[in-house]
N, C-alpha and C. Protein backbone atom coordinates (compact mmCIF):
# COMPACT_ATOMS: atom_id res chain seq x y z
N MET A 1 94.63 52.76 52.44
CA MET A 1 94.21 51.78 53.45
C MET A 1 95.09 50.52 53.40
N LEU A 2 95.36 50.02 52.17
CA LEU A 2 96.21 48.85 52.04
C LEU A 2 97.60 49.11 52.58
N TYR A 3 98.12 50.31 52.27
CA TYR A 3 99.47 50.65 52.76
C TYR A 3 99.49 50.70 54.28
N LEU A 4 98.47 51.33 54.87
CA LEU A 4 98.40 51.44 56.32
C LEU A 4 98.30 50.06 56.97
N THR A 5 97.50 49.19 56.37
CA THR A 5 97.37 47.83 56.90
C THR A 5 98.70 47.09 56.86
N THR A 6 99.42 47.25 55.75
CA THR A 6 100.73 46.61 55.63
C THR A 6 101.68 47.11 56.70
N GLN A 7 101.70 48.42 56.92
CA GLN A 7 102.60 49.00 57.90
C GLN A 7 102.26 48.57 59.33
N LEU A 8 100.98 48.40 59.61
CA LEU A 8 100.56 48.05 60.96
C LEU A 8 100.65 46.56 61.25
N LEU A 9 100.46 45.73 60.23
CA LEU A 9 100.41 44.30 60.45
C LEU A 9 101.59 43.54 59.85
N VAL A 10 101.81 43.72 58.54
CA VAL A 10 102.82 42.93 57.85
C VAL A 10 104.24 43.38 58.18
N SER A 11 104.49 44.69 58.14
CA SER A 11 105.85 45.19 58.34
C SER A 11 106.46 44.79 59.67
N PRO A 12 105.74 44.91 60.80
CA PRO A 12 106.33 44.49 62.07
C PRO A 12 106.72 43.01 62.08
N LEU A 13 105.87 42.17 61.47
CA LEU A 13 106.17 40.74 61.40
C LEU A 13 107.39 40.49 60.54
N ALA A 14 107.48 41.21 59.40
CA ALA A 14 108.63 41.03 58.50
C ALA A 14 109.92 41.49 59.17
N ARG A 15 109.85 42.62 59.88
CA ARG A 15 111.05 43.11 60.57
C ARG A 15 111.48 42.14 61.66
N ALA A 16 110.52 41.56 62.36
CA ALA A 16 110.84 40.60 63.42
C ALA A 16 111.46 39.33 62.85
N TRP A 17 111.01 38.94 61.65
CA TRP A 17 111.52 37.72 61.03
C TRP A 17 112.91 37.91 60.45
N PHE A 18 113.10 39.01 59.71
CA PHE A 18 114.40 39.26 59.07
C PHE A 18 115.42 39.88 60.03
N ARG A 19 114.95 40.66 60.99
CA ARG A 19 115.81 41.40 61.92
C ARG A 19 116.88 42.21 61.18
N PRO A 20 116.47 43.07 60.28
CA PRO A 20 117.45 43.86 59.52
C PRO A 20 118.16 44.88 60.41
N ASP A 21 119.41 45.15 60.07
CA ASP A 21 120.15 46.23 60.73
C ASP A 21 119.87 47.51 59.96
N VAL A 22 119.53 48.56 60.65
CA VAL A 22 119.19 49.83 60.02
C VAL A 22 120.06 50.93 60.62
N GLU A 23 120.68 51.68 59.76
CA GLU A 23 121.52 52.79 60.20
C GLU A 23 121.09 54.08 59.51
N GLY A 24 121.05 55.16 60.25
CA GLY A 24 120.82 56.48 59.67
C GLY A 24 119.41 56.80 59.24
N ALA A 25 118.42 56.11 59.78
CA ALA A 25 117.03 56.39 59.37
C ALA A 25 116.65 57.84 59.64
N ASP A 26 117.28 58.44 60.65
CA ASP A 26 116.99 59.84 60.96
C ASP A 26 117.47 60.79 59.87
N ASN A 27 118.27 60.29 58.93
CA ASN A 27 118.75 61.13 57.83
C ASN A 27 117.67 61.39 56.78
N VAL A 28 116.59 60.63 56.83
CA VAL A 28 115.50 60.83 55.88
C VAL A 28 114.62 61.97 56.38
N PRO A 29 114.56 63.11 55.66
CA PRO A 29 113.71 64.22 56.09
C PRO A 29 112.27 63.76 56.30
N ARG A 30 111.64 64.27 57.34
CA ARG A 30 110.30 63.81 57.68
C ARG A 30 109.20 64.47 56.85
N THR A 31 109.52 65.53 56.16
CA THR A 31 108.53 66.20 55.32
C THR A 31 109.16 66.59 53.99
N GLY A 32 108.30 66.84 52.99
CA GLY A 32 108.77 67.31 51.69
C GLY A 32 109.25 66.19 50.80
N GLY A 33 109.40 66.52 49.51
CA GLY A 33 109.87 65.55 48.54
C GLY A 33 111.29 65.12 48.83
N VAL A 34 111.54 63.84 48.73
CA VAL A 34 112.87 63.26 48.99
C VAL A 34 113.13 62.15 47.99
N LEU A 35 114.35 62.08 47.50
CA LEU A 35 114.76 61.03 46.58
C LEU A 35 115.68 60.07 47.32
N LEU A 36 115.31 58.80 47.40
CA LEU A 36 116.18 57.78 47.98
C LEU A 36 116.89 57.07 46.83
N ALA A 37 118.22 57.21 46.77
CA ALA A 37 119.00 56.61 45.68
C ALA A 37 119.84 55.47 46.24
N SER A 38 119.58 54.26 45.77
CA SER A 38 120.20 53.08 46.37
C SER A 38 120.94 52.22 45.36
N ASN A 39 121.89 51.43 45.88
CA ASN A 39 122.46 50.35 45.07
C ASN A 39 121.40 49.27 44.92
N HIS A 40 121.63 48.34 44.01
CA HIS A 40 120.57 47.36 43.68
C HIS A 40 121.18 45.97 43.56
N LEU A 41 120.85 45.10 44.55
CA LEU A 41 121.43 43.77 44.60
C LEU A 41 120.44 42.65 44.39
N SER A 42 119.15 42.92 44.62
CA SER A 42 118.16 41.84 44.61
C SER A 42 116.77 42.38 44.32
N PHE A 43 115.89 41.51 43.85
CA PHE A 43 114.49 41.87 43.65
C PHE A 43 113.88 42.36 44.97
N ILE A 44 114.35 41.82 46.08
CA ILE A 44 113.78 42.12 47.38
C ILE A 44 114.11 43.55 47.86
N ASP A 45 115.01 44.23 47.16
CA ASP A 45 115.43 45.58 47.59
C ASP A 45 114.26 46.55 47.70
N SER A 46 113.32 46.44 46.78
CA SER A 46 112.18 47.37 46.76
C SER A 46 111.18 47.09 47.89
N PHE A 47 111.40 46.00 48.61
CA PHE A 47 110.62 45.72 49.81
C PHE A 47 111.44 46.02 51.05
N ALA A 48 112.76 45.77 50.96
CA ALA A 48 113.63 45.97 52.10
C ALA A 48 113.68 47.44 52.52
N ILE A 49 113.78 48.34 51.55
CA ILE A 49 113.87 49.76 51.88
C ILE A 49 112.58 50.29 52.50
N PRO A 50 111.41 50.08 51.86
CA PRO A 50 110.17 50.54 52.48
C PRO A 50 109.91 49.91 53.85
N LEU A 51 110.42 48.70 54.05
CA LEU A 51 110.21 47.99 55.31
C LEU A 51 110.79 48.75 56.49
N VAL A 52 111.92 49.44 56.27
CA VAL A 52 112.60 50.10 57.38
C VAL A 52 112.63 51.63 57.28
N ALA A 53 112.20 52.18 56.16
CA ALA A 53 112.21 53.64 55.99
C ALA A 53 111.17 54.28 56.91
N PRO A 54 111.46 55.48 57.42
CA PRO A 54 110.53 56.16 58.33
C PRO A 54 109.33 56.79 57.62
N ARG A 55 109.34 56.79 56.28
CA ARG A 55 108.23 57.32 55.51
C ARG A 55 107.88 56.35 54.38
N LYS A 56 106.68 56.49 53.85
CA LYS A 56 106.28 55.69 52.70
C LYS A 56 107.19 55.99 51.52
N VAL A 57 107.68 54.95 50.87
CA VAL A 57 108.58 55.10 49.72
C VAL A 57 107.89 54.55 48.49
N VAL A 58 107.82 55.34 47.43
CA VAL A 58 107.21 54.91 46.17
C VAL A 58 108.30 54.38 45.23
N PHE A 59 108.14 53.15 44.79
CA PHE A 59 109.01 52.56 43.78
C PHE A 59 108.16 52.24 42.55
N LEU A 60 108.79 52.14 41.41
CA LEU A 60 108.11 51.68 40.21
C LEU A 60 108.22 50.16 40.12
N ALA A 61 107.18 49.52 39.60
CA ALA A 61 107.18 48.08 39.41
C ALA A 61 106.57 47.76 38.06
N LYS A 62 106.93 46.61 37.51
CA LYS A 62 106.42 46.22 36.21
C LYS A 62 104.90 46.15 36.21
N ALA A 63 104.29 46.66 35.14
CA ALA A 63 102.83 46.74 35.07
C ALA A 63 102.16 45.39 35.19
N GLU A 64 102.83 44.32 34.73
CA GLU A 64 102.19 43.01 34.76
C GLU A 64 101.91 42.51 36.18
N TYR A 65 102.61 43.08 37.17
CA TYR A 65 102.32 42.71 38.55
C TYR A 65 100.94 43.19 38.99
N PHE A 66 100.37 44.13 38.24
CA PHE A 66 99.08 44.72 38.62
C PHE A 66 97.94 44.27 37.70
N THR A 67 98.24 43.46 36.71
CA THR A 67 97.23 43.14 35.69
C THR A 67 96.83 41.67 35.65
N GLY A 68 97.31 40.88 36.60
CA GLY A 68 96.97 39.46 36.61
C GLY A 68 95.50 39.23 36.90
N THR A 69 95.02 38.04 36.58
CA THR A 69 93.62 37.70 36.79
C THR A 69 93.49 36.65 37.89
N GLY A 70 92.26 36.47 38.33
CA GLY A 70 91.99 35.46 39.34
C GLY A 70 92.51 35.84 40.71
N VAL A 71 92.53 34.85 41.59
CA VAL A 71 92.97 35.07 42.97
C VAL A 71 94.43 35.49 43.03
N LYS A 72 95.28 34.82 42.24
CA LYS A 72 96.70 35.15 42.24
C LYS A 72 96.93 36.57 41.76
N GLY A 73 96.22 36.96 40.71
CA GLY A 73 96.38 38.32 40.19
C GLY A 73 95.92 39.36 41.19
N ALA A 74 94.81 39.09 41.85
CA ALA A 74 94.28 40.02 42.84
C ALA A 74 95.24 40.14 44.02
N ALA A 75 95.82 39.02 44.43
CA ALA A 75 96.76 39.03 45.56
C ALA A 75 98.02 39.81 45.20
N SER A 76 98.52 39.61 43.97
CA SER A 76 99.71 40.33 43.52
C SER A 76 99.44 41.83 43.48
N ARG A 77 98.31 42.19 42.91
CA ARG A 77 97.94 43.60 42.80
C ARG A 77 97.81 44.25 44.18
N ALA A 78 97.17 43.56 45.10
CA ALA A 78 96.98 44.09 46.45
C ALA A 78 98.32 44.24 47.16
N TRP A 79 99.21 43.26 46.99
CA TRP A 79 100.49 43.31 47.68
C TRP A 79 101.35 44.46 47.18
N PHE A 80 101.50 44.57 45.87
CA PHE A 80 102.35 45.63 45.33
C PHE A 80 101.77 47.02 45.62
N THR A 81 100.45 47.13 45.58
CA THR A 81 99.81 48.40 45.91
C THR A 81 100.03 48.75 47.37
N SER A 82 99.93 47.74 48.24
CA SER A 82 100.09 47.98 49.67
C SER A 82 101.51 48.43 50.01
N MET A 83 102.47 48.06 49.18
CA MET A 83 103.86 48.47 49.41
C MET A 83 104.16 49.83 48.81
N GLY A 84 103.15 50.49 48.24
CA GLY A 84 103.34 51.83 47.71
C GLY A 84 103.92 51.86 46.31
N MET A 85 103.88 50.73 45.61
CA MET A 85 104.48 50.67 44.27
C MET A 85 103.52 51.16 43.20
N VAL A 86 104.10 51.70 42.13
CA VAL A 86 103.33 52.27 41.03
C VAL A 86 103.68 51.52 39.75
N PRO A 87 102.67 51.07 38.99
CA PRO A 87 102.95 50.30 37.77
C PRO A 87 103.51 51.16 36.64
N VAL A 88 104.41 50.57 35.87
CA VAL A 88 104.95 51.24 34.70
C VAL A 88 105.24 50.18 33.64
N GLU A 89 104.99 50.52 32.37
CA GLU A 89 105.26 49.60 31.26
C GLU A 89 106.75 49.64 30.95
N ARG A 90 107.47 48.60 31.34
CA ARG A 90 108.92 48.59 31.18
C ARG A 90 109.36 48.43 29.74
N ASP A 91 108.58 47.74 28.92
CA ASP A 91 109.01 47.45 27.55
C ASP A 91 108.52 48.47 26.54
N ASP A 92 107.78 49.46 27.00
CA ASP A 92 107.28 50.51 26.13
C ASP A 92 108.44 51.41 25.71
N SER A 93 108.42 51.88 24.45
CA SER A 93 109.51 52.72 23.96
C SER A 93 109.60 54.04 24.71
N LYS A 94 108.50 54.44 25.34
CA LYS A 94 108.48 55.70 26.08
C LYS A 94 108.58 55.47 27.59
N ALA A 95 109.01 54.26 27.98
CA ALA A 95 109.02 53.88 29.39
C ALA A 95 109.91 54.78 30.23
N ALA A 96 111.10 55.13 29.70
CA ALA A 96 112.04 55.93 30.48
C ALA A 96 111.46 57.30 30.79
N ALA A 97 110.88 57.95 29.78
CA ALA A 97 110.28 59.26 29.98
C ALA A 97 109.09 59.17 30.92
N GLN A 98 108.29 58.11 30.76
CA GLN A 98 107.13 57.92 31.61
C GLN A 98 107.56 57.74 33.07
N SER A 99 108.63 56.98 33.28
CA SER A 99 109.12 56.75 34.64
C SER A 99 109.56 58.04 35.30
N LEU A 100 110.26 58.89 34.54
CA LEU A 100 110.71 60.17 35.08
C LEU A 100 109.53 61.07 35.41
N ASP A 101 108.52 61.06 34.56
CA ASP A 101 107.33 61.89 34.80
C ASP A 101 106.61 61.45 36.07
N ILE A 102 106.49 60.13 36.24
CA ILE A 102 105.83 59.60 37.44
C ILE A 102 106.62 60.01 38.69
N ALA A 103 107.94 59.86 38.60
CA ALA A 103 108.79 60.20 39.73
C ALA A 103 108.67 61.68 40.09
N LEU A 104 108.67 62.54 39.09
CA LEU A 104 108.54 63.98 39.35
C LEU A 104 107.21 64.31 40.00
N ASP A 105 106.15 63.65 39.57
CA ASP A 105 104.83 63.87 40.18
C ASP A 105 104.87 63.50 41.66
N VAL A 106 105.50 62.37 41.97
CA VAL A 106 105.61 61.91 43.37
C VAL A 106 106.39 62.93 44.20
N LEU A 107 107.51 63.37 43.68
CA LEU A 107 108.36 64.31 44.41
C LEU A 107 107.68 65.67 44.60
N ARG A 108 106.98 66.12 43.58
CA ARG A 108 106.31 67.41 43.67
C ARG A 108 105.11 67.38 44.61
N ARG A 109 104.61 66.18 44.90
CA ARG A 109 103.54 66.04 45.89
C ARG A 109 104.11 66.02 47.30
N GLY A 110 105.43 66.11 47.41
CA GLY A 110 106.05 66.11 48.72
C GLY A 110 106.26 64.72 49.29
N GLU A 111 106.33 63.70 48.41
CA GLU A 111 106.49 62.33 48.86
C GLU A 111 107.91 61.83 48.61
N VAL A 112 108.14 60.58 48.97
CA VAL A 112 109.47 59.97 48.84
C VAL A 112 109.47 58.99 47.67
N PHE A 113 110.46 59.14 46.79
CA PHE A 113 110.58 58.25 45.64
C PHE A 113 111.90 57.50 45.71
N GLY A 114 111.85 56.19 45.47
CA GLY A 114 113.05 55.38 45.49
C GLY A 114 113.53 55.05 44.09
N ILE A 115 114.84 55.13 43.89
CA ILE A 115 115.40 54.91 42.55
C ILE A 115 116.73 54.17 42.66
N TYR A 116 117.01 53.36 41.66
CA TYR A 116 118.29 52.66 41.55
C TYR A 116 119.07 53.27 40.39
N PRO A 117 120.03 54.14 40.66
CA PRO A 117 120.76 54.81 39.58
C PRO A 117 121.50 53.85 38.64
N GLU A 118 121.84 52.65 39.13
CA GLU A 118 122.52 51.68 38.26
C GLU A 118 121.59 51.18 37.15
N GLY A 119 120.29 51.28 37.37
CA GLY A 119 119.33 50.88 36.35
C GLY A 119 118.81 49.47 36.49
N THR A 120 119.66 48.55 36.91
CA THR A 120 119.27 47.16 37.08
C THR A 120 120.15 46.53 38.14
N ARG A 121 119.79 45.33 38.55
CA ARG A 121 120.52 44.68 39.64
C ARG A 121 121.95 44.30 39.24
N SER A 122 122.84 44.41 40.21
CA SER A 122 124.21 43.97 40.00
C SER A 122 124.26 42.45 40.12
N ARG A 123 124.79 41.81 39.12
CA ARG A 123 124.86 40.35 39.13
C ARG A 123 126.17 39.84 39.71
N ASP A 124 127.12 40.72 39.94
CA ASP A 124 128.41 40.28 40.48
C ASP A 124 128.77 41.00 41.78
N GLY A 125 127.84 41.77 42.32
CA GLY A 125 128.08 42.43 43.60
C GLY A 125 128.80 43.75 43.53
N ARG A 126 129.28 44.12 42.34
CA ARG A 126 129.97 45.40 42.20
C ARG A 126 128.97 46.54 42.02
N LEU A 127 129.42 47.76 42.30
CA LEU A 127 128.58 48.93 42.11
C LEU A 127 128.89 49.54 40.75
N TYR A 128 127.85 49.63 39.91
CA TYR A 128 128.05 50.12 38.55
C TYR A 128 127.83 51.63 38.45
N ARG A 129 128.22 52.18 37.33
CA ARG A 129 128.10 53.62 37.13
C ARG A 129 126.63 54.03 37.12
N GLY A 130 126.34 55.19 37.69
CA GLY A 130 124.96 55.66 37.77
C GLY A 130 124.50 56.37 36.51
N HIS A 131 123.27 56.14 36.11
CA HIS A 131 122.65 56.88 35.02
C HIS A 131 122.19 58.24 35.55
N VAL A 132 122.17 59.24 34.69
CA VAL A 132 121.93 60.61 35.15
C VAL A 132 120.46 60.93 35.44
N GLY A 133 119.56 59.97 35.26
CA GLY A 133 118.16 60.21 35.59
C GLY A 133 117.97 60.63 37.04
N VAL A 134 118.78 60.08 37.93
CA VAL A 134 118.67 60.43 39.35
C VAL A 134 118.97 61.91 39.57
N ALA A 135 119.97 62.43 38.85
CA ALA A 135 120.31 63.85 38.97
C ALA A 135 119.25 64.72 38.32
N HIS A 136 118.71 64.26 37.20
CA HIS A 136 117.62 64.99 36.54
C HIS A 136 116.46 65.20 37.50
N LEU A 137 116.09 64.16 38.23
CA LEU A 137 115.00 64.26 39.18
C LEU A 137 115.33 65.22 40.32
N ALA A 138 116.52 65.07 40.88
CA ALA A 138 116.91 65.90 42.02
C ALA A 138 116.98 67.37 41.64
N LEU A 139 117.57 67.67 40.49
CA LEU A 139 117.76 69.05 40.07
C LEU A 139 116.47 69.68 39.57
N THR A 140 115.62 68.87 38.92
CA THR A 140 114.36 69.40 38.40
C THR A 140 113.35 69.64 39.51
N ALA A 141 113.22 68.65 40.40
CA ALA A 141 112.25 68.76 41.49
C ALA A 141 112.79 69.58 42.66
N LYS A 142 114.12 69.83 42.63
CA LYS A 142 114.77 70.59 43.72
C LYS A 142 114.52 69.93 45.07
N VAL A 143 114.85 68.64 45.13
CA VAL A 143 114.68 67.89 46.38
C VAL A 143 116.02 67.30 46.81
N PRO A 144 116.18 67.04 48.10
CA PRO A 144 117.42 66.41 48.56
C PRO A 144 117.46 64.94 48.17
N VAL A 145 118.67 64.42 48.06
CA VAL A 145 118.89 63.01 47.75
C VAL A 145 119.48 62.34 48.97
N VAL A 146 118.84 61.29 49.44
CA VAL A 146 119.39 60.50 50.54
C VAL A 146 119.98 59.23 49.94
N PRO A 147 121.31 59.08 49.97
CA PRO A 147 121.92 57.86 49.44
C PRO A 147 121.63 56.69 50.37
N VAL A 148 121.43 55.52 49.78
CA VAL A 148 121.13 54.32 50.55
C VAL A 148 122.10 53.21 50.17
N GLY A 149 122.65 52.56 51.17
CA GLY A 149 123.53 51.43 50.92
C GLY A 149 122.92 50.15 51.43
N LEU A 150 122.65 49.22 50.53
CA LEU A 150 122.10 47.91 50.90
C LEU A 150 123.24 46.90 50.97
N ILE A 151 123.23 46.10 52.03
CA ILE A 151 124.25 45.07 52.20
C ILE A 151 123.57 43.76 52.54
N GLY A 152 123.81 42.73 51.75
CA GLY A 152 123.32 41.40 52.07
C GLY A 152 121.98 41.01 51.48
N THR A 153 121.29 41.91 50.80
CA THR A 153 119.98 41.53 50.26
C THR A 153 120.08 40.50 49.14
N GLN A 154 121.25 40.39 48.53
CA GLN A 154 121.42 39.37 47.48
C GLN A 154 121.37 37.96 48.06
N HIS A 155 121.55 37.83 49.37
CA HIS A 155 121.46 36.53 50.02
C HIS A 155 120.02 36.22 50.45
N VAL A 156 119.21 37.27 50.63
CA VAL A 156 117.80 37.08 51.00
C VAL A 156 117.03 36.49 49.82
N GLN A 157 117.26 37.08 48.65
CA GLN A 157 116.65 36.54 47.43
C GLN A 157 117.67 36.63 46.31
N PRO A 158 118.46 35.58 46.12
CA PRO A 158 119.48 35.59 45.07
C PRO A 158 118.86 35.76 43.70
N ILE A 159 119.59 36.39 42.81
CA ILE A 159 119.12 36.56 41.43
C ILE A 159 118.89 35.19 40.81
N GLY A 160 117.75 35.05 40.13
CA GLY A 160 117.42 33.79 39.47
C GLY A 160 116.52 32.88 40.27
N THR A 161 116.13 33.31 41.49
CA THR A 161 115.24 32.48 42.29
C THR A 161 114.10 33.32 42.85
N ASN A 162 112.95 32.67 43.07
CA ASN A 162 111.81 33.34 43.68
C ASN A 162 111.75 33.09 45.18
N LYS A 163 112.65 32.25 45.67
CA LYS A 163 112.65 31.89 47.08
C LYS A 163 113.28 33.00 47.93
N VAL A 164 112.62 33.28 49.04
CA VAL A 164 113.13 34.28 49.99
C VAL A 164 113.70 33.55 51.20
N ARG A 165 114.94 33.86 51.54
CA ARG A 165 115.60 33.21 52.65
C ARG A 165 115.65 34.14 53.87
N ARG A 166 115.72 33.54 55.02
CA ARG A 166 115.84 34.33 56.25
C ARG A 166 117.32 34.63 56.49
N GLU A 167 117.79 35.67 55.84
CA GLU A 167 119.18 36.09 55.95
C GLU A 167 119.23 37.53 56.46
N LYS A 168 120.25 37.82 57.22
CA LYS A 168 120.42 39.18 57.73
C LYS A 168 120.80 40.12 56.60
N PHE A 169 120.27 41.34 56.64
CA PHE A 169 120.69 42.36 55.69
C PHE A 169 120.73 43.71 56.40
N THR A 170 121.42 44.63 55.79
CA THR A 170 121.61 45.95 56.38
C THR A 170 121.15 47.03 55.41
N VAL A 171 120.48 48.03 55.94
CA VAL A 171 120.08 49.20 55.16
C VAL A 171 120.69 50.43 55.83
N LYS A 172 121.53 51.15 55.08
CA LYS A 172 122.17 52.35 55.61
C LYS A 172 121.66 53.59 54.85
N PHE A 173 121.10 54.54 55.58
CA PHE A 173 120.67 55.80 55.00
C PHE A 173 121.74 56.85 55.27
N GLY A 174 122.29 57.42 54.20
CA GLY A 174 123.32 58.43 54.36
C GLY A 174 122.76 59.82 54.58
N GLU A 175 123.64 60.76 54.82
CA GLU A 175 123.21 62.15 55.01
C GLU A 175 122.66 62.71 53.70
N PRO A 176 121.60 63.52 53.78
CA PRO A 176 121.01 64.09 52.58
C PRO A 176 122.01 64.93 51.78
N ILE A 177 121.91 64.82 50.48
CA ILE A 177 122.74 65.64 49.58
C ILE A 177 121.83 66.69 48.96
N ASP A 178 122.16 67.94 49.17
CA ASP A 178 121.35 69.04 48.66
C ASP A 178 122.15 69.78 47.59
N PHE A 179 121.64 69.78 46.39
CA PHE A 179 122.36 70.43 45.28
C PHE A 179 121.92 71.88 45.06
N SER A 180 121.08 72.40 45.93
CA SER A 180 120.56 73.76 45.77
C SER A 180 121.68 74.78 45.59
N GLY A 181 121.71 75.43 44.42
CA GLY A 181 122.66 76.49 44.16
C GLY A 181 124.07 76.04 43.85
N ARG A 182 124.39 74.77 44.08
CA ARG A 182 125.78 74.32 43.92
C ARG A 182 126.19 74.15 42.47
N LEU A 183 125.23 73.90 41.60
CA LEU A 183 125.56 73.65 40.20
C LEU A 183 124.98 74.72 39.28
N ASP A 184 124.61 75.85 39.86
CA ASP A 184 124.11 76.96 39.06
C ASP A 184 125.18 77.42 38.08
N GLY A 185 124.80 77.62 36.84
CA GLY A 185 125.75 78.10 35.84
C GLY A 185 126.51 76.99 35.14
N VAL A 186 126.37 75.75 35.63
CA VAL A 186 127.04 74.62 34.99
C VAL A 186 126.13 74.08 33.89
N ALA A 187 126.70 73.76 32.75
CA ALA A 187 125.91 73.21 31.65
C ALA A 187 125.10 72.02 32.13
N GLN A 188 123.87 71.89 31.63
CA GLN A 188 122.93 70.90 32.14
C GLN A 188 123.50 69.48 32.14
N GLY A 189 124.08 69.08 31.00
CA GLY A 189 124.63 67.72 30.91
C GLY A 189 125.73 67.48 31.92
N LYS A 190 126.63 68.44 32.07
CA LYS A 190 127.73 68.30 33.01
C LYS A 190 127.22 68.31 34.45
N ALA A 191 126.24 69.17 34.72
CA ALA A 191 125.67 69.25 36.07
C ALA A 191 125.07 67.90 36.47
N ARG A 192 124.34 67.29 35.56
CA ARG A 192 123.73 65.99 35.86
C ARG A 192 124.78 64.92 36.10
N ARG A 193 125.85 64.96 35.32
CA ARG A 193 126.91 63.97 35.49
C ARG A 193 127.63 64.16 36.82
N LEU A 194 127.92 65.40 37.17
CA LEU A 194 128.60 65.69 38.43
C LEU A 194 127.75 65.28 39.62
N ALA A 195 126.45 65.60 39.55
CA ALA A 195 125.56 65.26 40.65
C ALA A 195 125.41 63.75 40.78
N THR A 196 125.28 63.07 39.66
CA THR A 196 125.14 61.61 39.69
C THR A 196 126.38 60.95 40.28
N ASP A 197 127.55 61.42 39.87
CA ASP A 197 128.79 60.83 40.39
C ASP A 197 128.92 61.06 41.90
N GLU A 198 128.49 62.22 42.38
CA GLU A 198 128.54 62.49 43.82
C GLU A 198 127.60 61.55 44.57
N ILE A 199 126.44 61.31 44.00
CA ILE A 199 125.47 60.40 44.62
C ILE A 199 126.04 58.98 44.66
N MET A 200 126.66 58.54 43.56
CA MET A 200 127.21 57.19 43.52
C MET A 200 128.39 57.04 44.47
N ASP A 201 129.18 58.09 44.64
CA ASP A 201 130.28 58.04 45.62
C ASP A 201 129.73 57.83 47.03
N ALA A 202 128.61 58.50 47.33
CA ALA A 202 128.01 58.37 48.65
C ALA A 202 127.44 56.97 48.85
N ILE A 203 126.82 56.41 47.81
CA ILE A 203 126.29 55.05 47.90
C ILE A 203 127.43 54.05 48.11
N ALA A 204 128.53 54.24 47.39
CA ALA A 204 129.68 53.35 47.52
C ALA A 204 130.25 53.38 48.94
N ALA A 205 130.30 54.57 49.52
CA ALA A 205 130.83 54.70 50.89
C ALA A 205 129.94 53.95 51.88
N LEU A 206 128.64 53.90 51.62
CA LEU A 206 127.71 53.22 52.52
C LEU A 206 127.72 51.71 52.32
N SER A 207 127.76 51.28 51.06
CA SER A 207 127.65 49.85 50.76
C SER A 207 128.98 49.11 50.83
N GLY A 208 130.08 49.84 50.64
CA GLY A 208 131.40 49.22 50.66
C GLY A 208 131.70 48.38 49.44
N GLN A 209 130.92 48.56 48.38
CA GLN A 209 131.11 47.75 47.18
C GLN A 209 132.32 48.18 46.34
N GLU A 210 132.87 47.23 45.63
CA GLU A 210 133.88 47.52 44.62
C GLU A 210 133.20 48.26 43.48
N ARG A 211 133.87 49.25 42.90
CA ARG A 211 133.29 50.01 41.80
C ARG A 211 133.62 49.33 40.47
N ALA A 212 132.60 49.16 39.64
CA ALA A 212 132.81 48.51 38.34
C ALA A 212 133.38 49.49 37.32
N GLY A 213 132.99 50.76 37.42
CA GLY A 213 133.52 51.77 36.52
C GLY A 213 132.84 51.83 35.17
N VAL A 214 131.84 50.98 34.96
CA VAL A 214 131.10 50.96 33.69
C VAL A 214 129.62 50.87 34.01
N TYR A 215 128.77 51.05 32.97
CA TYR A 215 127.34 50.90 33.16
C TYR A 215 126.97 49.42 33.21
N ASN A 216 125.92 49.11 33.92
CA ASN A 216 125.44 47.76 34.03
C ASN A 216 124.42 47.49 32.93
N GLU A 217 124.70 46.55 32.07
CA GLU A 217 123.79 46.25 30.98
C GLU A 217 122.61 45.46 31.51
N ARG A 218 121.42 45.82 31.05
CA ARG A 218 120.20 45.10 31.48
C ARG A 218 120.17 43.74 30.81
N SER A 219 120.43 42.71 31.61
CA SER A 219 120.46 41.36 31.06
C SER A 219 119.32 40.49 31.56
N ALA A 220 118.54 41.02 32.50
CA ALA A 220 117.42 40.27 33.04
C ALA A 220 116.39 41.23 33.57
N PRO A 221 115.14 40.82 33.64
CA PRO A 221 114.11 41.70 34.19
C PRO A 221 114.44 42.11 35.60
N THR A 222 114.06 43.31 35.98
CA THR A 222 114.34 43.82 37.32
C THR A 222 113.17 44.61 37.82
N THR A 223 113.15 44.84 39.09
CA THR A 223 112.06 45.62 39.68
C THR A 223 112.28 47.09 39.45
C-alpha cells in the first residue's frame, strides 16, 4: 500500500520537479526476475532509478533507516519502505552473504533487484571495477541483467551533504544481457569475472565515465 501510494502521489510530483531524462525504459522486461546493475554516484541513486523504472525496484538500505524511534523514525521507516527498500545490517560480518540471499529471494519471486557492482559510490566520478556478486546473482538466479547508466545524480545530492538540489539527471537503461548457456563449461570463478566485466562494459557505454581500472575502496557509508 505504501509503495502504491508513493507511485501514485509522490513519484509524479518528484518527476515533475526534477524532470529527469529517461532512455531505454522499454529495455526492462515487464515480467520475471530482472537484475538492474548501475553505476553509483550519489545517495540519491536508489531513489532516482525506482522513480523512473517501469517496475518496482528493490534496493537494500542500511537497517538503521528502519529502526529509528519517534516521529522521525516512523517517517524514515515509512519512506524507505514505500520506495521498496529492504533493510540489511551493513556492519555485520555476514552482511555480504545476507545481501546476496535477500537478492536471490527477490529475483526468484520474479521481481526486480537493483545493485551497484562497484560496491560504493564513486567519489571522483570514475567508474570502478565491478565486484562479481552481480554475476553470481545473474548466473544463480538465471535472470537477465539490464545495465543502467546514471548521469548527473552527483549534482542532485553531492557526497557529504544531505541537501537535495533541483538538478537535471539522466537514467539510461541498456539492452538486457542474457548469460543463458553462454558460460556453460567455464570455471565458476572465471565465468563470474567474465560476466561482471561484460556488465561493467555496458554500464560504461551508457554512463560515458572514465574507467578507474581498480576496485573502489569503501571510505564512507553508502546506500
